[in-house]
């Protein structure tokens, strides 16, 4: 049985060409057992008729903020906002993102988004230039900081004939993301903090020290944790990846910024997974002006960056802490040494080099923890991340159970 069975989905449809996909999405939601109430903006009705979505959803489509017939029938806009278990807007246009970021309530859909306490998921769909515009990027960052989850967009050919980011996710992908929100998984109710991607340490206004991390593994881990039921915060260095569905993302650039973002949140999480490739060193001082190519040699004075993983592990009440180790040789020995030196619960180690680790779609991991090890064979990073999360969840539960047993015993003998 689908995790959406008997769930109440309020589906918002705004005015973009991708609105035609809403028909298939409604069909899939109903087939999964969900109750669906469609709310359309005025622009959306220019692309697909309310009658089509009414026939598929089995409910009258709502359009107007003040609908006398609906209000009289007990489905006024406040009741409708309370009715929903989840709000999904697909497509979510650039205009809708802007209005939601501003907290506008100038039509029924934006009013419901503002009045509902249910999770809000947005599936953006627009031209690539609109998606890349600084105003849209700022609106997206603001919405994500408020806990709104963005599903997509995907990259590919757009309706306008251009290609790039801006395609709405396919209905089946949106269905899977919604099912993941309600599926009880191995980390249900757990708070997970993940780091991903590289850091950049500025040399001057033009150049920086960095590394080849794409962030794919860390993003896959964050997505897998969310699918396992966790409430996930992702602290990300600069990457060209969309935020995973249902994940709150905090974007940083330098190791110091990542350290500050993590330490501000680590005390409130149950599991910390440090998948980012953090620079070990930074220039002691970045040049204020561009460094010119003049001298035949250039010497850089580097200083150590803070150790995020070790600092989290040293907290008075640390979360279950997982580090990554990218090694070129002697993988197991280096991984075991790193686990002991950092004082962490688990190390996920992988080889890097030509065709391994960075810039690849797949990977393999050696998990080192107290009392044993586990090998996860080479697989696509998305699949490998799910396997890793299951191993972390099992180890986390095993660590918690003795503590819970001890507490019960103490209470029984008091």
Protein backbone atom coordinates (compact mmCIF):
# COMPACT_ATOMS: atom_id res chain seq x y z
CA UNK A 1 0.00 0.00 0.00
CA UNK A 2 1.28 3.46 -0.87
CA UNK A 3 2.24 5.75 2.00
CA UNK A 4 -0.14 8.29 0.40
CA UNK A 5 -3.22 6.15 1.09
CA UNK A 6 -5.91 8.34 2.67
CA UNK A 7 -3.58 11.35 2.74
CA UNK A 8 -5.06 14.72 1.81
CA UNK A 9 -3.05 16.45 -0.90
CA UNK A 10 -3.77 20.05 -1.82
CA UNK A 11 -2.37 20.42 -5.34
CA UNK A 12 -1.74 23.99 -6.46
CA UNK A 13 -1.38 24.64 -10.18
CA UNK A 14 0.06 27.96 -11.34
CA UNK A 15 0.20 29.47 -14.80
CA UNK A 16 2.96 27.78 -16.77
CA UNK A 17 3.02 25.44 -19.76
CA UNK A 18 3.90 22.55 -17.42
CA UNK A 19 0.37 22.86 -15.99
CA UNK A 20 -0.67 20.18 -18.47
CA UNK A 21 1.33 17.65 -16.39
CA UNK A 22 -1.02 18.27 -13.46
CA UNK A 23 -3.58 15.96 -15.07
CA UNK A 24 -1.23 12.97 -14.94
CA UNK A 25 -0.09 13.94 -11.45
CA UNK A 26 -3.68 13.97 -10.17
CA UNK A 27 -4.28 10.57 -11.76
CA UNK A 28 -1.21 9.09 -10.08
CA UNK A 29 -2.09 10.59 -6.70
CA UNK A 30 -5.60 9.17 -6.84
CA UNK A 31 -4.23 5.77 -7.89
CA UNK A 32 -1.95 5.88 -4.82
CA UNK A 33 -5.01 6.33 -2.62
CA UNK A 34 -4.67 10.05 -1.88
CA UNK A 35 -7.51 12.53 -1.68
CA UNK A 36 -6.71 15.42 -4.01
CA UNK A 37 -8.06 18.96 -3.94
CA UNK A 38 -6.86 21.08 -6.86
CA UNK A 39 -6.47 24.83 -6.52
CA UNK A 40 -5.63 26.79 -9.68
CA UNK A 41 -4.42 30.31 -10.25
CA UNK A 42 -6.14 32.39 -12.88
CA UNK A 43 -3.15 31.93 -15.19
CA UNK A 44 -3.26 28.15 -14.83
CA UNK A 45 -6.77 28.04 -16.30
CA UNK A 46 -5.33 29.40 -19.55
CA UNK A 47 -3.23 26.24 -19.96
CA UNK A 48 -5.55 23.47 -18.72
CA UNK A 49 -9.25 23.57 -17.92
CA UNK A 50 -10.55 23.17 -14.37
CA UNK A 51 -13.06 20.64 -15.73
CA UNK A 52 -10.24 18.26 -16.66
CA UNK A 53 -8.73 18.34 -13.18
CA UNK A 54 -12.16 18.14 -11.56
CA UNK A 55 -12.96 14.97 -13.48
CA UNK A 56 -9.65 13.39 -12.47
CA UNK A 57 -9.70 14.48 -8.82
CA UNK A 58 -13.39 13.89 -8.19
CA UNK A 59 -13.63 17.29 -6.49
CA UNK A 60 -14.64 20.73 -7.75
CA UNK A 61 -11.53 22.73 -8.56
CA UNK A 62 -11.08 25.85 -6.43
CA UNK A 63 -10.02 29.08 -8.17
CA UNK A 64 -11.48 32.11 -6.40
CA UNK A 65 -10.48 33.36 -2.97
CA UNK A 66 -14.11 34.22 -2.23
CA UNK A 67 -16.19 31.37 -3.63
CA UNK A 68 -19.71 31.68 -2.20
CA UNK A 69 -20.72 28.13 -3.11
CA UNK A 70 -17.61 26.60 -1.52
CA UNK A 71 -17.77 28.82 1.56
CA UNK A 72 -21.41 27.86 2.09
CA UNK A 73 -20.49 24.18 1.75
CA UNK A 74 -18.04 24.32 4.64
CA UNK A 75 -14.86 24.37 2.52
CA UNK A 76 -13.90 27.99 3.16
CA UNK A 77 -10.27 28.86 2.56
CA UNK A 78 -9.21 28.49 6.22
CA UNK A 79 -10.91 25.09 6.52
CA UNK A 80 -9.24 24.04 3.27
CA UNK A 81 -5.84 25.10 4.62
CA UNK A 82 -6.43 22.97 7.72
CA UNK A 83 -7.76 20.04 5.64
CA UNK A 84 -4.49 19.37 3.82
CA UNK A 85 -1.80 16.95 5.03
CA UNK A 86 0.59 18.41 2.46
CA UNK A 87 0.60 21.23 -0.08
CA UNK A 88 2.27 20.67 -3.44
CA UNK A 89 2.43 23.40 -6.07
CA UNK A 90 3.23 21.96 -9.51
CA UNK A 91 4.14 23.86 -11.54
CA UNK A 92 5.46 26.69 -9.38
CA UNK A 93 6.27 29.62 -11.65
CA UNK A 94 8.82 32.36 -11.01
CA UNK A 95 5.95 34.71 -10.19
CA UNK A 96 4.51 32.30 -7.64
CA UNK A 97 7.92 31.82 -5.99
CA UNK A 98 8.26 35.59 -5.70
CA UNK A 99 4.82 36.04 -4.19
CA UNK A 100 5.36 33.24 -1.68
CA UNK A 101 8.76 34.68 -0.71
CA UNK A 102 7.08 38.03 -0.04
CA UNK A 103 4.34 36.40 2.02
CA UNK A 104 1.66 37.61 -0.36
CA UNK A 105 -1.93 36.37 -0.03
CA UNK A 106 -3.51 37.93 -3.11
CA UNK A 107 -5.24 34.85 -4.49
CA UNK A 108 -6.57 31.57 -3.12
CA UNK A 109 -3.42 29.55 -3.68
CA UNK A 110 -1.01 31.95 -1.96
CA UNK A 111 -3.52 32.46 0.86
CA UNK A 112 -3.67 28.70 1.46
CA UNK A 113 0.13 28.43 1.43
CA UNK A 114 0.30 31.16 4.05
CA UNK A 115 -2.56 29.86 6.19
CA UNK A 116 -1.66 26.17 6.26
CA UNK A 117 0.67 24.53 8.77
CA UNK A 118 1.13 21.50 6.50
CA UNK A 119 4.46 20.95 4.70
CA UNK A 120 4.79 23.04 1.53
CA UNK A 121 6.52 21.52 -1.51
CA UNK A 122 7.18 23.45 -4.71
CA UNK A 123 7.99 22.02 -8.15
CA UNK A 124 9.53 24.95 -10.07
CA UNK A 125 8.99 25.26 -13.82
CA UNK A 126 10.24 28.18 -15.89
CA UNK A 127 12.70 29.33 -18.54
CA UNK A 128 16.36 28.69 -17.67
CA UNK A 129 17.15 32.44 -17.64
CA UNK A 130 14.31 33.04 -15.19
CA UNK A 131 15.52 30.19 -12.97
CA UNK A 132 19.09 31.55 -13.01
CA UNK A 133 18.06 35.16 -12.38
CA UNK A 134 19.43 36.53 -9.07
CA UNK A 135 15.93 37.51 -7.96
CA UNK A 136 14.68 33.94 -8.38
CA UNK A 137 17.76 32.51 -6.69
CA UNK A 138 17.22 34.88 -3.74
CA UNK A 139 13.54 33.91 -3.51
CA UNK A 140 14.43 30.22 -3.56
CA UNK A 141 17.05 30.65 -0.83
CA UNK A 142 14.58 32.55 1.33
CA UNK A 143 11.85 29.96 0.89
CA UNK A 144 14.25 27.09 1.66
CA UNK A 145 15.43 28.89 4.79
CA UNK A 146 11.79 28.87 5.95
CA UNK A 147 11.55 25.10 5.53
CA UNK A 148 9.86 25.04 2.12
CA UNK A 149 11.00 22.02 0.08
CA UNK A 150 11.82 22.43 -3.61
CA UNK A 151 11.36 19.44 -5.89
CA UNK A 152 13.58 20.12 -8.87
CA UNK A 153 13.72 21.65 -11.34
CA UNK A 154 15.24 19.17 -13.75
CA UNK A 155 17.52 20.00 -16.66
CA UNK A 156 16.66 19.35 -20.28
CA UNK A 157 14.85 20.78 -23.27
CA UNK A 158 12.34 23.45 -22.33
CA UNK A 159 9.06 24.36 -23.99
CA UNK A 160 10.58 27.60 -25.27
CA UNK A 161 13.15 25.64 -27.29
CA UNK A 162 16.09 26.40 -25.00
CA UNK A 163 17.83 23.82 -22.81
CA UNK A 164 18.93 23.94 -19.19
CA UNK A 165 17.51 23.92 -15.68
CA UNK A 166 13.84 24.80 -15.45
CA UNK A 167 11.87 21.68 -16.41
CA UNK A 168 9.27 20.58 -13.90
CA UNK A 169 9.92 17.11 -12.53
CA UNK A 170 7.81 14.42 -14.14
CA UNK A 171 4.60 13.43 -12.33
CA UNK A 172 6.05 10.03 -11.33
CA UNK A 173 9.05 11.77 -9.72
CA UNK A 174 6.78 14.12 -7.81
CA UNK A 175 4.67 11.17 -6.66
CA UNK A 176 7.79 9.40 -5.35
CA UNK A 177 8.87 12.54 -3.47
CA UNK A 178 5.45 12.84 -1.85
CA UNK A 179 5.42 9.17 -0.90
CA UNK A 180 8.81 9.66 0.72
CA UNK A 181 7.35 12.39 2.93
CA UNK A 182 4.88 9.96 4.49
CA UNK A 183 6.84 6.72 4.42
CA UNK A 184 7.90 5.51 7.85
CA UNK A 185 11.55 4.69 7.48
CA UNK A 186 14.53 3.64 9.53
CA UNK A 187 15.19 7.26 10.56
CA UNK A 188 11.60 8.32 11.15
CA UNK A 189 11.57 11.39 13.38
CA UNK A 190 15.37 11.59 13.52
CA UNK A 191 17.18 14.91 13.01
CA UNK A 192 20.09 14.55 10.58
CA UNK A 193 22.72 17.15 9.71
CA UNK A 194 24.75 16.54 6.53
CA UNK A 195 27.63 18.44 4.94
CA UNK A 196 28.36 18.15 1.23
CA UNK A 197 30.41 19.56 -1.60
CA UNK A 198 33.74 21.40 -1.61
CA UNK A 199 34.80 24.55 0.18
CA UNK A 200 36.52 27.48 -1.51
CA UNK A 201 39.28 29.43 0.24
CA UNK A 202 39.88 32.80 -1.45
CA UNK A 203 43.38 33.76 -2.58
CA UNK A 204 42.29 37.08 -4.07
CA UNK A 205 39.05 38.46 -5.54
CA UNK A 206 39.46 36.14 -8.56
CA UNK A 207 41.08 32.91 -7.39
CA UNK A 208 40.48 30.36 -4.66
CA UNK A 209 41.86 27.08 -3.33
CA UNK A 210 39.37 24.27 -3.84
CA UNK A 211 38.99 20.62 -4.74
CA UNK A 212 37.21 18.40 -7.23
CA UNK A 213 34.24 17.40 -5.09
CA UNK A 214 30.96 17.57 -7.03
CA UNK A 215 28.81 17.13 -3.91
CA UNK A 216 26.90 14.23 -5.48
CA UNK A 217 27.58 11.78 -2.67
CA UNK A 218 26.65 14.19 0.10
CA UNK A 219 23.49 15.26 -1.70
CA UNK A 220 22.56 11.60 -2.27
CA UNK A 221 23.09 10.93 1.45
CA UNK A 222 20.86 13.88 2.41
CA UNK A 223 18.14 12.68 0.04
CA UNK A 224 18.39 9.09 1.32
CA UNK A 225 18.10 10.28 4.93
CA UNK A 226 14.99 12.29 4.05
CA UNK A 227 13.47 9.28 2.30
CA UNK A 228 14.20 7.25 5.45
CA UNK A 229 11.98 9.64 7.40
CA UNK A 230 14.58 12.01 8.87
CA UNK A 231 14.29 15.76 9.15
CA UNK A 232 17.41 16.74 7.21
CA UNK A 233 19.48 19.91 7.12
CA UNK A 234 22.15 20.04 4.41
CA UNK A 235 25.08 22.45 4.80
CA UNK A 236 26.48 22.69 1.30
CA UNK A 237 29.53 24.16 -0.29
CA UNK A 238 29.26 25.58 -3.84
CA UNK A 239 27.85 22.91 -6.17
CA UNK A 240 25.74 22.75 -9.33
CA UNK A 241 23.06 20.50 -7.78
CA UNK A 242 19.41 21.04 -6.91
CA UNK A 243 18.44 20.71 -3.26
CA UNK A 244 17.01 17.22 -2.58
CA UNK A 245 13.25 17.08 -1.98
CA UNK A 246 12.21 17.70 1.61
CA UNK A 247 15.68 18.87 2.69
CA UNK A 248 16.53 22.25 4.22
CA UNK A 249 19.70 23.60 2.61
CA UNK A 250 22.21 26.10 4.02
CA UNK A 251 24.69 27.34 1.39
CA UNK A 252 28.23 28.29 2.45
CA UNK A 253 31.54 28.82 0.68
CA UNK A 254 34.53 28.63 3.00
CA UNK A 255 35.52 26.07 5.61
CA UNK A 256 35.06 28.67 8.35
CA UNK A 257 31.50 29.37 7.14
CA UNK A 258 30.74 25.65 7.06
CA UNK A 259 32.17 25.22 10.56
CA UNK A 260 29.98 28.03 11.90
CA UNK A 261 26.85 26.68 10.20
CA UNK A 262 27.45 23.15 11.49
CA UNK A 263 28.32 24.13 15.08
CA UNK A 264 25.19 26.28 15.27
CA UNK A 265 23.07 23.20 14.47
CA UNK A 266 25.03 20.15 15.69
CA UNK A 267 23.69 20.34 19.23
CA UNK A 268 20.13 19.87 17.97
CA UNK A 269 20.71 16.86 15.69
CA UNK A 270 20.73 13.12 16.35
CA UNK A 271 23.10 12.15 13.53
CA UNK A 272 25.85 14.20 11.88
CA UNK A 273 27.25 13.00 8.52
CA UNK A 274 30.30 14.92 7.32
CA UNK A 275 30.40 14.16 3.58
CA UNK A 276 31.87 17.51 2.49
CA UNK A 277 35.40 17.76 1.15
CA UNK A 278 36.52 20.56 3.47
CA UNK A 279 39.80 22.35 2.76
CA UNK A 280 42.36 21.54 5.44
CA UNK A 281 44.18 24.85 4.93
CA UNK A 282 43.37 28.40 3.84
CA UNK A 283 45.53 31.38 2.91
CA UNK A 284 46.49 33.32 6.02
CA UNK A 285 45.19 36.46 4.33
CA UNK A 286 43.43 36.84 1.00
CA UNK A 287 44.87 39.55 -1.24
CA UNK A 288 42.62 42.58 -1.62
CA UNK A 289 43.59 42.95 -5.28
CA UNK A 290 44.16 40.38 -8.01
CA UNK A 291 47.61 38.79 -7.71
CA UNK A 292 49.49 39.62 -10.92
CA UNK A 293 51.65 37.13 -12.78
CA UNK A 294 54.99 38.85 -12.27
CA UNK A 295 57.46 36.88 -10.14
CA UNK A 296 58.65 33.48 -11.48
CA UNK A 297 57.59 31.84 -8.19
CA UNK A 298 54.82 32.49 -5.71
CA UNK A 299 54.79 31.32 -2.10
CA UNK A 300 51.52 30.97 -0.21
CA UNK A 301 51.32 31.16 3.57
CA UNK A 302 48.62 28.67 4.62
CA UNK A 303 47.01 28.14 8.02
CA UNK A 304 44.90 25.26 9.33
CA UNK A 305 41.13 25.40 9.03
CA UNK A 306 38.95 24.32 11.97
CA UNK A 307 38.27 20.58 12.14
CA UNK A 308 34.48 20.35 11.79
CA UNK A 309 34.22 16.60 12.33
CA UNK A 310 36.42 16.53 15.42
CA UNK A 311 34.73 19.58 16.93
CA UNK A 312 31.28 17.97 16.59
CA UNK A 313 32.58 14.72 18.11
CA UNK A 314 33.97 16.69 21.09
CA UNK A 315 30.64 18.27 21.99
CA UNK A 316 29.45 17.49 25.55
CA UNK A 317 26.55 15.48 24.11
CA UNK A 318 27.63 14.71 20.56
CA UNK A 319 25.31 13.27 17.92
CA UNK A 320 26.06 9.94 16.28
CA UNK A 321 28.94 11.17 14.14
CA UNK A 322 29.95 9.84 10.72
CA UNK A 323 32.95 11.05 8.78
CA UNK A 324 34.17 10.38 5.25
CA UNK A 325 37.75 9.52 4.32
CA UNK A 326 38.93 9.86 0.72
CA UNK A 327 42.22 8.01 0.35
CA UNK A 328 44.56 7.21 -2.51
CA UNK A 329 46.22 4.21 -0.78
CA UNK A 330 46.06 1.91 2.25
CA UNK A 331 42.36 2.63 2.64
CA UNK A 332 41.48 0.58 5.72
CA UNK A 333 44.52 1.57 7.79
CA UNK A 334 44.00 5.28 7.14
CA UNK A 335 40.26 5.01 7.80
CA UNK A 336 40.76 3.28 11.16
CA UNK A 337 43.37 5.84 12.17
CA UNK A 338 41.04 8.69 11.25
CA UNK A 339 38.16 7.25 13.27
CA UNK A 340 40.31 7.00 16.36
CA UNK A 341 41.94 10.41 15.90
CA UNK A 342 38.63 12.20 15.40
CA UNK A 343 36.74 10.22 18.04
CA UNK A 344 33.79 9.51 15.73
CA UNK A 345 31.34 6.60 15.60
CA UNK A 346 31.84 5.64 11.97
CA UNK A 347 34.07 6.39 8.99
CA UNK A 348 32.91 5.84 5.42
CA UNK A 349 36.08 5.46 3.39
CA UNK A 350 36.54 5.42 -0.36
CA UNK A 351 39.43 5.45 -2.78
CA UNK A 352 39.99 8.47 -4.98
CA UNK A 353 41.98 8.69 -8.17
CA UNK A 354 41.38 8.23 -11.90
CA UNK A 355 37.80 6.99 -12.32
CA UNK A 356 37.20 6.79 -8.56
CA UNK A 357 35.46 9.08 -6.10
CA UNK A 358 35.34 12.61 -7.49
CA UNK A 359 33.38 13.50 -10.64
CA UNK A 360 31.86 10.03 -11.02
CA UNK A 361 28.27 8.78 -10.86
CA UNK A 362 29.15 5.76 -8.72
CA UNK A 363 31.35 4.90 -5.77
CA UNK A 364 32.17 2.17 -3.25
CA UNK A 365 32.60 2.47 0.51
CA UNK A 366 34.31 0.74 3.39
CA UNK A 367 32.51 1.44 6.68
CA UNK A 368 34.69 1.37 9.79
CA UNK A 369 33.08 1.40 13.22
CA UNK A 370 33.86 0.08 16.66
CA UNK A 371 33.94 -3.68 16.59
CA UNK A 372 33.74 -4.23 12.87
CA UNK A 373 33.64 -3.10 9.29
CA UNK A 374 31.34 -3.42 6.27
CA UNK A 375 31.98 -3.12 2.57
CA UNK A 376 29.42 -1.52 0.27
CA UNK A 377 30.30 -2.59 -3.27
CA UNK A 378 30.51 -0.19 -6.19
CA UNK A 379 27.09 1.18 -7.14
CA UNK A 380 25.45 4.43 -8.29
CA UNK A 381 25.84 7.03 -5.56
CA UNK A 382 22.07 7.25 -5.01
CA UNK A 383 21.84 3.51 -4.30
CA UNK A 384 25.03 3.54 -2.25
CA UNK A 385 23.69 6.42 -0.17
CA UNK A 386 20.55 4.46 0.70
CA UNK A 387 22.67 1.49 1.80
CA UNK A 388 24.88 3.80 3.86
CA UNK A 389 21.88 5.39 5.58
CA UNK A 390 20.51 1.96 6.52
CA UNK A 391 23.88 1.02 8.05
CA UNK A 392 24.04 4.32 9.94
CA UNK A 393 20.45 3.90 11.16
CA UNK A 394 21.19 0.39 12.46
CA UNK A 395 24.33 1.55 14.29
CA UNK A 396 22.52 4.60 15.70
CA UNK A 397 19.67 2.48 17.04
CA UNK A 398 22.13 -0.02 18.53
CA UNK A 399 23.89 2.79 20.39
CA UNK A 400 20.60 4.20 21.69
CA UNK A 401 19.09 0.90 22.86
CA UNK A 402 21.64 0.18 25.64
CA UNK A 403 21.19 3.75 26.90
CA UNK A 404 17.42 3.33 26.92
CA UNK A 405 17.74 -0.01 28.72
CA UNK A 406 20.01 1.58 31.32
CA UNK A 407 17.53 4.41 31.92
CA UNK A 408 14.70 1.92 32.41
CA UNK A 409 16.77 -0.09 34.85
CA UNK A 410 17.67 3.03 36.82
CA UNK A 411 14.04 4.01 37.07
CA UNK A 412 13.05 0.52 38.22
CA UNK A 413 15.56 0.48 41.08
CA UNK A 414 15.09 4.03 42.30
